[in-house]
PDB file of all heavy atoms in Angstrom:
ATOM      1  N   ALA A   1      -6.446 -22.347  29.022  1.00  0.00           N
ATOM      2  CA  ALA A   1      -6.229 -23.490  28.136  1.00  0.00           C
ATOM      3  C   ALA A   1      -5.557 -24.652  28.881  1.00  0.00           C
ATOM      4  O   ALA A   1      -5.913 -25.817  28.672  1.00  0.00           O
ATOM      5  CB  ALA A   1      -5.395 -23.068  26.932  1.00  0.00           C
ATOM      6  N   ILE A   2      -4.610 -24.330  29.732  1.00  0.00           N
ATOM      7  CA  ILE A   2      -3.945 -25.389  30.507  1.00  0.00           C
ATOM      8  C   ILE A   2      -4.951 -26.052  31.444  1.00  0.00           C
ATOM      9  O   ILE A   2      -5.029 -27.285  31.512  1.00  0.00           O
ATOM     10  CB  ILE A   2      -2.736 -24.833  31.282  1.00  0.00           C
ATOM     11  CG1 ILE A   2      -1.634 -24.402  30.313  1.00  0.00           C
ATOM     12  CG2 ILE A   2      -2.199 -25.876  32.279  1.00  0.00           C
ATOM     13  CD1 ILE A   2      -0.506 -23.610  30.957  1.00  0.00           C
ATOM     14  N   VAL A   3      -5.743 -25.254  32.163  1.00  0.00           N
ATOM     15  CA  VAL A   3      -6.733 -25.819  33.090  1.00  0.00           C
ATOM     16  C   VAL A   3      -7.747 -26.665  32.325  1.00  0.00           C
ATOM     17  O   VAL A   3      -8.106 -27.761  32.771  1.00  0.00           O
ATOM     18  CB  VAL A   3      -7.416 -24.712  33.923  1.00  0.00           C
ATOM     19  CG1 VAL A   3      -8.615 -25.264  34.683  1.00  0.00           C
ATOM     20  CG2 VAL A   3      -6.414 -24.091  34.889  1.00  0.00           C
ATOM     21  N   GLU A   4      -8.202 -26.207  31.176  1.00  0.00           N
ATOM     22  CA  GLU A   4      -9.149 -26.999  30.373  1.00  0.00           C
ATOM     23  C   GLU A   4      -8.527 -28.334  29.969  1.00  0.00           C
ATOM     24  O   GLU A   4      -9.191 -29.374  30.010  1.00  0.00           O
ATOM     25  CB  GLU A   4      -9.597 -26.214  29.144  1.00  0.00           C
ATOM     26  CG  GLU A   4     -10.553 -25.081  29.498  1.00  0.00           C
ATOM     27  CD  GLU A   4     -10.858 -24.150  28.321  1.00  0.00           C
ATOM     28  OE1 GLU A   4     -10.268 -24.332  27.218  1.00  0.00           O
ATOM     29  OE2 GLU A   4     -11.680 -23.232  28.513  1.00  0.00           O
ATOM     30  N   GLY A   5      -7.257 -28.328  29.594  1.00  0.00           N
ATOM     31  CA  GLY A   5      -6.573 -29.582  29.252  1.00  0.00           C
ATOM     32  C   GLY A   5      -6.463 -30.513  30.442  1.00  0.00           C
ATOM     33  O   GLY A   5      -6.678 -31.733  30.319  1.00  0.00           O
ATOM     34  N   LEU A   6      -6.156 -29.951  31.615  1.00  0.00           N
ATOM     35  CA  LEU A   6      -6.054 -30.768  32.829  1.00  0.00           C
ATOM     36  C   LEU A   6      -7.418 -31.318  33.231  1.00  0.00           C
ATOM     37  O   LEU A   6      -7.524 -32.464  33.679  1.00  0.00           O
ATOM     38  CB  LEU A   6      -5.430 -29.952  33.963  1.00  0.00           C
ATOM     39  CG  LEU A   6      -3.982 -29.513  33.736  1.00  0.00           C
ATOM     40  CD1 LEU A   6      -3.542 -28.541  34.818  1.00  0.00           C
ATOM     41  CD2 LEU A   6      -3.044 -30.703  33.644  1.00  0.00           C
ATOM     42  N   GLU A   7      -8.469 -30.519  33.053  1.00  0.00           N
ATOM     43  CA  GLU A   7      -9.819 -31.005  33.359  1.00  0.00           C
ATOM     44  C   GLU A   7     -10.205 -32.148  32.430  1.00  0.00           C
ATOM     45  O   GLU A   7     -10.825 -33.118  32.867  1.00  0.00           O
ATOM     46  CB  GLU A   7     -10.836 -29.867  33.257  1.00  0.00           C
ATOM     47  CG  GLU A   7     -10.743 -28.900  34.407  1.00  0.00           C
ATOM     48  CD  GLU A   7     -11.767 -27.776  34.317  1.00  0.00           C
ATOM     49  OE1 GLU A   7     -12.583 -27.745  33.365  1.00  0.00           O
ATOM     50  OE2 GLU A   7     -11.749 -26.915  35.221  1.00  0.00           O
ATOM     51  N   GLN A   8      -9.822 -32.051  31.164  1.00  0.00           N
ATOM     52  CA  GLN A   8     -10.106 -33.150  30.236  1.00  0.00           C
ATOM     53  C   GLN A   8      -9.368 -34.419  30.666  1.00  0.00           C
ATOM     54  O   GLN A   8      -9.925 -35.508  30.650  1.00  0.00           O
ATOM     55  CB  GLN A   8      -9.735 -32.760  28.802  1.00  0.00           C
ATOM     56  CG  GLN A   8     -10.129 -33.812  27.796  1.00  0.00           C
ATOM     57  CD  GLN A   8     -11.607 -34.182  27.861  1.00  0.00           C
ATOM     58  OE1 GLN A   8     -12.476 -33.324  27.897  1.00  0.00           O
ATOM     59  NE2 GLN A   8     -11.898 -35.469  27.935  1.00  0.00           N
ATOM     60  N   SER A   9      -8.119 -34.270  31.079  1.00  0.00           N
ATOM     61  CA  SER A   9      -7.361 -35.429  31.586  1.00  0.00           C
ATOM     62  C   SER A   9      -8.052 -36.016  32.811  1.00  0.00           C
ATOM     63  O   SER A   9      -8.136 -37.234  32.957  1.00  0.00           O
ATOM     64  CB  SER A   9      -5.933 -35.024  31.946  1.00  0.00           C
ATOM     65  OG  SER A   9      -5.225 -34.634  30.803  1.00  0.00           O
ATOM     66  N   ALA A  10      -8.546 -35.144  33.695  1.00  0.00           N
ATOM     67  CA  ALA A  10      -9.240 -35.615  34.900  1.00  0.00           C
ATOM     68  C   ALA A  10     -10.479 -36.423  34.529  1.00  0.00           C
ATOM     69  O   ALA A  10     -10.735 -37.479  35.109  1.00  0.00           O
ATOM     70  CB  ALA A  10      -9.618 -34.424  35.788  1.00  0.00           C
ATOM     71  N   ARG A  11     -11.234 -35.923  33.573  1.00  0.00           N
ATOM     72  CA  ARG A  11     -12.432 -36.662  33.130  1.00  0.00           C
ATOM     73  C   ARG A  11     -12.053 -38.014  32.543  1.00  0.00           C
ATOM     74  O   ARG A  11     -12.707 -39.018  32.805  1.00  0.00           O
ATOM     75  CB  ARG A  11     -13.217 -35.834  32.113  1.00  0.00           C
ATOM     76  CG  ARG A  11     -13.962 -34.674  32.720  1.00  0.00           C
ATOM     77  CD  ARG A  11     -14.799 -33.930  31.660  1.00  0.00           C
ATOM     78  NE  ARG A  11     -15.413 -32.763  32.234  1.00  0.00           N
ATOM     79  CZ  ARG A  11     -14.869 -31.536  32.207  1.00  0.00           C
ATOM     80  NH1 ARG A  11     -13.716 -31.326  31.604  1.00  0.00           N
ATOM     81  NH2 ARG A  11     -15.493 -30.525  32.772  1.00  0.00           N
ATOM     82  N   THR A  12     -10.989 -38.032  31.741  1.00  0.00           N
ATOM     83  CA  THR A  12     -10.522 -39.289  31.136  1.00  0.00           C
ATOM     84  C   THR A  12     -10.151 -40.303  32.220  1.00  0.00           C
ATOM     85  O   THR A  12     -10.391 -41.500  32.064  1.00  0.00           O
ATOM     86  CB  THR A  12      -9.313 -39.018  30.215  1.00  0.00           C
ATOM     87  OG1 THR A  12      -9.729 -38.131  29.173  1.00  0.00           O
ATOM     88  CG2 THR A  12      -8.763 -40.294  29.616  1.00  0.00           C
ATOM     89  N   LEU A  13      -9.591 -39.813  33.325  1.00  0.00           N
ATOM     90  CA  LEU A  13      -9.200 -40.683  34.440  1.00  0.00           C
ATOM     91  C   LEU A  13     -10.387 -41.062  35.330  1.00  0.00           C
ATOM     92  O   LEU A  13     -10.226 -41.833  36.275  1.00  0.00           O
ATOM     93  CB  LEU A  13      -8.123 -40.002  35.284  1.00  0.00           C
ATOM     94  CG  LEU A  13      -6.765 -39.866  34.612  1.00  0.00           C
ATOM     95  CD1 LEU A  13      -5.857 -38.944  35.420  1.00  0.00           C
ATOM     96  CD2 LEU A  13      -6.119 -41.229  34.421  1.00  0.00           C
ATOM     97  N   GLY A  14     -11.558 -40.492  35.067  1.00  0.00           N
ATOM     98  CA  GLY A  14     -12.738 -40.812  35.856  1.00  0.00           C
ATOM     99  C   GLY A  14     -12.878 -39.989  37.127  1.00  0.00           C
ATOM    100  O   GLY A  14     -13.664 -40.334  38.012  1.00  0.00           O
ATOM    101  N   LEU A  15     -12.126 -38.906  37.232  1.00  0.00           N
ATOM    102  CA  LEU A  15     -12.235 -38.059  38.424  1.00  0.00           C
ATOM    103  C   LEU A  15     -13.510 -37.229  38.359  1.00  0.00           C
ATOM    104  O   LEU A  15     -13.961 -36.850  37.282  1.00  0.00           O
ATOM    105  CB  LEU A  15     -11.012 -37.144  38.545  1.00  0.00           C
ATOM    106  CG  LEU A  15      -9.659 -37.855  38.601  1.00  0.00           C
ATOM    107  CD1 LEU A  15      -8.535 -36.844  38.705  1.00  0.00           C
ATOM    108  CD2 LEU A  15      -9.603 -38.852  39.737  1.00  0.00           C
ATOM    109  N   LYS A  16     -14.076 -36.949  39.504  1.00  0.00           N
ATOM    110  CA  LYS A  16     -15.326 -36.189  39.591  1.00  0.00           C
ATOM    111  C   LYS A  16     -15.136 -34.814  40.222  1.00  0.00           C
ATOM    112  O   LYS A  16     -15.987 -33.942  40.090  1.00  0.00           O
ATOM    113  CB  LYS A  16     -16.371 -36.954  40.424  1.00  0.00           C
ATOM    114  CG  LYS A  16     -16.643 -38.361  39.927  1.00  0.00           C
ATOM    115  CD  LYS A  16     -17.410 -38.339  38.640  1.00  0.00           C
ATOM    116  CE  LYS A  16     -17.787 -39.752  38.238  1.00  0.00           C
ATOM    117  NZ  LYS A  16     -17.421 -40.082  36.894  1.00  0.00           N
ATOM    118  N   ARG A  17     -14.024 -34.647  40.970  1.00  0.00           N
ATOM    119  CA  ARG A  17     -13.779 -33.379  41.662  1.00  0.00           C
ATOM    120  C   ARG A  17     -12.320 -32.988  41.498  1.00  0.00           C
ATOM    121  O   ARG A  17     -11.442 -33.840  41.481  1.00  0.00           O
ATOM    122  CB  ARG A  17     -14.101 -33.502  43.161  1.00  0.00           C
ATOM    123  CG  ARG A  17     -15.538 -33.878  43.446  1.00  0.00           C
ATOM    124  CD  ARG A  17     -15.819 -34.013  44.925  1.00  0.00           C
ATOM    125  NE  ARG A  17     -14.997 -35.069  45.513  1.00  0.00           N
ATOM    126  CZ  ARG A  17     -14.738 -35.182  46.817  1.00  0.00           C
ATOM    127  NH1 ARG A  17     -15.229 -34.301  47.665  1.00  0.00           N
ATOM    128  NH2 ARG A  17     -13.995 -36.168  47.279  1.00  0.00           N
ATOM    129  N   LEU A  18     -12.102 -31.666  41.403  1.00  0.00           N
ATOM    130  CA  LEU A  18     -10.747 -31.133  41.325  1.00  0.00           C
ATOM    131  C   LEU A  18     -10.544 -30.117  42.425  1.00  0.00           C
ATOM    132  O   LEU A  18     -11.372 -29.237  42.636  1.00  0.00           O
ATOM    133  CB  LEU A  18     -10.499 -30.456  39.971  1.00  0.00           C
ATOM    134  CG  LEU A  18     -10.293 -31.374  38.785  1.00  0.00           C
ATOM    135  CD1 LEU A  18     -10.133 -30.549  37.512  1.00  0.00           C
ATOM    136  CD2 LEU A  18      -9.079 -32.260  38.996  1.00  0.00           C
ATOM    137  N   PHE A  19      -9.407 -30.224  43.086  1.00  0.00           N
ATOM    138  CA  PHE A  19      -9.009 -29.337  44.167  1.00  0.00           C
ATOM    139  C   PHE A  19      -7.894 -28.426  43.659  1.00  0.00           C
ATOM    140  O   PHE A  19      -7.117 -28.800  42.786  1.00  0.00           O
ATOM    141  CB  PHE A  19      -8.483 -30.190  45.331  1.00  0.00           C
ATOM    142  CG  PHE A  19      -7.725 -29.432  46.379  1.00  0.00           C
ATOM    143  CD1 PHE A  19      -8.390 -28.635  47.295  1.00  0.00           C
ATOM    144  CD2 PHE A  19      -6.347 -29.530  46.463  1.00  0.00           C
ATOM    145  CE1 PHE A  19      -7.692 -27.935  48.277  1.00  0.00           C
ATOM    146  CE2 PHE A  19      -5.636 -28.844  47.438  1.00  0.00           C
ATOM    147  CZ  PHE A  19      -6.315 -28.038  48.344  1.00  0.00           C
ATOM    148  N   CYS A  20      -7.810 -27.222  44.213  1.00  0.00           N
ATOM    149  CA  CYS A  20      -6.631 -26.387  44.023  1.00  0.00           C
ATOM    150  C   CYS A  20      -6.431 -25.545  45.278  1.00  0.00           C
ATOM    151  O   CYS A  20      -7.384 -25.274  46.015  1.00  0.00           O
ATOM    152  CB  CYS A  20      -6.726 -25.507  42.776  1.00  0.00           C
ATOM    153  SG  CYS A  20      -7.926 -24.178  42.895  1.00  0.00           S
ATOM    154  N   LEU A  21      -5.210 -25.175  45.523  1.00  0.00           N
ATOM    155  CA  LEU A  21      -4.840 -24.273  46.613  1.00  0.00           C
ATOM    156  C   LEU A  21      -4.205 -23.079  45.931  1.00  0.00           C
ATOM    157  O   LEU A  21      -3.192 -23.226  45.242  1.00  0.00           O
ATOM    158  CB  LEU A  21      -3.854 -24.954  47.557  1.00  0.00           C
ATOM    159  CG  LEU A  21      -3.383 -24.110  48.727  1.00  0.00           C
ATOM    160  CD1 LEU A  21      -4.517 -23.975  49.762  1.00  0.00           C
ATOM    161  CD2 LEU A  21      -2.174 -24.743  49.389  1.00  0.00           C
ATOM    162  N   THR A  22      -4.805 -21.895  46.063  1.00  0.00           N
ATOM    163  CA  THR A  22      -4.390 -20.804  45.200  1.00  0.00           C
ATOM    164  C   THR A  22      -4.527 -19.430  45.834  1.00  0.00           C
ATOM    165  O   THR A  22      -5.349 -19.229  46.733  1.00  0.00           O
ATOM    166  CB  THR A  22      -5.217 -20.836  43.892  1.00  0.00           C
ATOM    167  OG1 THR A  22      -4.713 -19.865  42.990  1.00  0.00           O
ATOM    168  CG2 THR A  22      -6.698 -20.594  44.160  1.00  0.00           C
ATOM    169  N   PHE A  23      -3.730 -18.502  45.331  1.00  0.00           N
ATOM    170  CA  PHE A  23      -3.921 -17.081  45.594  1.00  0.00           C
ATOM    171  C   PHE A  23      -4.826 -16.486  44.514  1.00  0.00           C
ATOM    172  O   PHE A  23      -5.352 -15.398  44.674  1.00  0.00           O
ATOM    173  CB  PHE A  23      -2.578 -16.333  45.556  1.00  0.00           C
ATOM    174  CG  PHE A  23      -1.676 -16.630  46.722  1.00  0.00           C
ATOM    175  CD1 PHE A  23      -0.534 -17.395  46.567  1.00  0.00           C
ATOM    176  CD2 PHE A  23      -1.968 -16.135  47.981  1.00  0.00           C
ATOM    177  CE1 PHE A  23       0.307 -17.654  47.635  1.00  0.00           C
ATOM    178  CE2 PHE A  23      -1.134 -16.402  49.065  1.00  0.00           C
ATOM    179  CZ  PHE A  23      -0.001 -17.157  48.889  1.00  0.00           C
ATOM    180  N   GLU A  24      -4.971 -17.184  43.388  1.00  0.00           N
ATOM    181  CA  GLU A  24      -5.707 -16.673  42.219  1.00  0.00           C
ATOM    182  C   GLU A  24      -7.179 -17.094  42.281  1.00  0.00           C
ATOM    183  O   GLU A  24      -7.693 -17.794  41.417  1.00  0.00           O
ATOM    184  CB  GLU A  24      -5.048 -17.171  40.925  1.00  0.00           C
ATOM    185  CG  GLU A  24      -3.598 -16.771  40.777  1.00  0.00           C
ATOM    186  CD  GLU A  24      -3.409 -15.256  40.670  1.00  0.00           C
ATOM    187  OE1 GLU A  24      -4.353 -14.556  40.233  1.00  0.00           O
ATOM    188  OE2 GLU A  24      -2.326 -14.777  41.047  1.00  0.00           O
ATOM    189  N   VAL A  25      -7.866 -16.621  43.311  1.00  0.00           N
ATOM    190  CA  VAL A  25      -9.251 -17.020  43.568  1.00  0.00           C
ATOM    191  C   VAL A  25     -10.164 -16.621  42.411  1.00  0.00           C
ATOM    192  O   VAL A  25     -11.002 -17.415  41.972  1.00  0.00           O
ATOM    193  CB  VAL A  25      -9.750 -16.427  44.906  1.00  0.00           C
ATOM    194  CG1 VAL A  25     -11.225 -16.715  45.126  1.00  0.00           C
ATOM    195  CG2 VAL A  25      -8.908 -16.984  46.057  1.00  0.00           C
ATOM    196  N   ASP A  26     -10.028 -15.413  41.898  1.00  0.00           N
ATOM    197  CA  ASP A  26     -10.907 -14.960  40.813  1.00  0.00           C
ATOM    198  C   ASP A  26     -10.745 -15.831  39.567  1.00  0.00           C
ATOM    199  O   ASP A  26     -11.727 -16.211  38.934  1.00  0.00           O
ATOM    200  CB  ASP A  26     -10.640 -13.491  40.460  1.00  0.00           C
ATOM    201  CG  ASP A  26     -11.082 -12.542  41.563  1.00  0.00           C
ATOM    202  OD1 ASP A  26     -11.869 -12.953  42.445  1.00  0.00           O
ATOM    203  OD2 ASP A  26     -10.623 -11.378  41.546  1.00  0.00           O
ATOM    204  N   PHE A  27      -9.495 -16.150  39.211  1.00  0.00           N
ATOM    205  CA  PHE A  27      -9.235 -17.000  38.050  1.00  0.00           C
ATOM    206  C   PHE A  27      -9.949 -18.341  38.201  1.00  0.00           C
ATOM    207  O   PHE A  27     -10.660 -18.786  37.297  1.00  0.00           O
ATOM    208  CB  PHE A  27      -7.724 -17.203  37.868  1.00  0.00           C
ATOM    209  CG  PHE A  27      -7.373 -18.223  36.816  1.00  0.00           C
ATOM    210  CD1 PHE A  27      -7.307 -17.864  35.485  1.00  0.00           C
ATOM    211  CD2 PHE A  27      -7.113 -19.544  37.164  1.00  0.00           C
ATOM    212  CE1 PHE A  27      -6.995 -18.805  34.500  1.00  0.00           C
ATOM    213  CE2 PHE A  27      -6.794 -20.494  36.201  1.00  0.00           C
ATOM    214  CZ  PHE A  27      -6.739 -20.122  34.866  1.00  0.00           C
ATOM    215  N   PHE A  28      -9.774 -18.989  39.349  1.00  0.00           N
ATOM    216  CA  PHE A  28     -10.374 -20.309  39.537  1.00  0.00           C
ATOM    217  C   PHE A  28     -11.891 -20.222  39.713  1.00  0.00           C
ATOM    218  O   PHE A  28     -12.610 -21.126  39.292  1.00  0.00           O
ATOM    219  CB  PHE A  28      -9.695 -21.054  40.687  1.00  0.00           C
ATOM    220  CG  PHE A  28      -8.383 -21.683  40.273  1.00  0.00           C
ATOM    221  CD1 PHE A  28      -7.177 -21.072  40.557  1.00  0.00           C
ATOM    222  CD2 PHE A  28      -8.365 -22.876  39.563  1.00  0.00           C
ATOM    223  CE1 PHE A  28      -5.972 -21.634  40.161  1.00  0.00           C
ATOM    224  CE2 PHE A  28      -7.170 -23.455  39.155  1.00  0.00           C
ATOM    225  CZ  PHE A  28      -5.971 -22.825  39.447  1.00  0.00           C
ATOM    226  N   THR A  29     -12.394 -19.148  40.282  1.00  0.00           N
ATOM    227  CA  THR A  29     -13.842 -18.971  40.382  1.00  0.00           C
ATOM    228  C   THR A  29     -14.452 -18.913  38.979  1.00  0.00           C
ATOM    229  O   THR A  29     -15.489 -19.534  38.722  1.00  0.00           O
ATOM    230  CB  THR A  29     -14.185 -17.691  41.182  1.00  0.00           C
ATOM    231  OG1 THR A  29     -13.670 -17.852  42.510  1.00  0.00           O
ATOM    232  CG2 THR A  29     -15.684 -17.464  41.251  1.00  0.00           C
ATOM    233  N   ARG A  30     -13.805 -18.201  38.075  1.00  0.00           N
ATOM    234  CA  ARG A  30     -14.291 -18.132  36.683  1.00  0.00           C
ATOM    235  C   ARG A  30     -14.256 -19.501  36.007  1.00  0.00           C
ATOM    236  O   ARG A  30     -14.975 -19.737  35.041  1.00  0.00           O
ATOM    237  CB  ARG A  30     -13.470 -17.123  35.874  1.00  0.00           C
ATOM    238  CG  ARG A  30     -13.733 -15.680  36.258  1.00  0.00           C
ATOM    239  CD  ARG A  30     -13.122 -14.689  35.260  1.00  0.00           C
ATOM    240  NE  ARG A  30     -11.688 -14.837  35.061  1.00  0.00           N
ATOM    241  CZ  ARG A  30     -10.754 -14.243  35.814  1.00  0.00           C
ATOM    242  NH1 ARG A  30     -11.087 -13.460  36.822  1.00  0.00           N
ATOM    243  NH2 ARG A  30      -9.465 -14.425  35.541  1.00  0.00           N
ATOM    244  N   ARG A  31     -13.437 -20.408  36.489  1.00  0.00           N
ATOM    245  CA  ARG A  31     -13.354 -21.770  35.934  1.00  0.00           C
ATOM    246  C   ARG A  31     -14.318 -22.724  36.640  1.00  0.00           C
ATOM    247  O   ARG A  31     -14.275 -23.920  36.407  1.00  0.00           O
ATOM    248  CB  ARG A  31     -11.932 -22.335  36.078  1.00  0.00           C
ATOM    249  CG  ARG A  31     -10.799 -21.425  35.638  1.00  0.00           C
ATOM    250  CD  ARG A  31     -10.418 -21.567  34.195  1.00  0.00           C
ATOM    251  NE  ARG A  31     -11.054 -20.655  33.291  1.00  0.00           N
ATOM    252  CZ  ARG A  31     -10.889 -19.335  33.248  1.00  0.00           C
ATOM    253  NH1 ARG A  31     -10.124 -18.726  34.099  1.00  0.00           N
ATOM    254  NH2 ARG A  31     -11.509 -18.605  32.353  1.00  0.00           N
ATOM    255  N   GLY A  32     -15.144 -22.233  37.575  1.00  0.00           N
ATOM    256  CA  GLY A  32     -16.132 -23.082  38.237  1.00  0.00           C
ATOM    257  C   GLY A  32     -15.719 -23.636  39.584  1.00  0.00           C
ATOM    258  O   GLY A  32     -16.428 -24.464  40.149  1.00  0.00           O
ATOM    259  N   PHE A  33     -14.586 -23.210  40.119  1.00  0.00           N
ATOM    260  CA  PHE A  33     -14.145 -23.633  41.440  1.00  0.00           C
ATOM    261  C   PHE A  33     -14.803 -22.755  42.500  1.00  0.00           C
ATOM    262  O   PHE A  33     -15.134 -21.603  42.230  1.00  0.00           O
ATOM    263  CB  PHE A  33     -12.622 -23.519  41.576  1.00  0.00           C
ATOM    264  CG  PHE A  33     -11.844 -24.564  40.829  1.00  0.00           C
ATOM    265  CD1 PHE A  33     -11.704 -24.487  39.445  1.00  0.00           C
ATOM    266  CD2 PHE A  33     -11.239 -25.611  41.502  1.00  0.00           C
ATOM    267  CE1 PHE A  33     -10.978 -25.439  38.747  1.00  0.00           C
ATOM    268  CE2 PHE A  33     -10.516 -26.570  40.809  1.00  0.00           C
ATOM    269  CZ  PHE A  33     -10.380 -26.490  39.432  1.00  0.00           C
TER     270      PHE A  33
END
């Protein structure tokens, strides 16, 4: 839910790509990273 909210904010700002640096690869892979 937090990531979805941040992605919506990114879209509102006109961003096209999101970066993350993470140990939680599976979590972010499921979110499309």
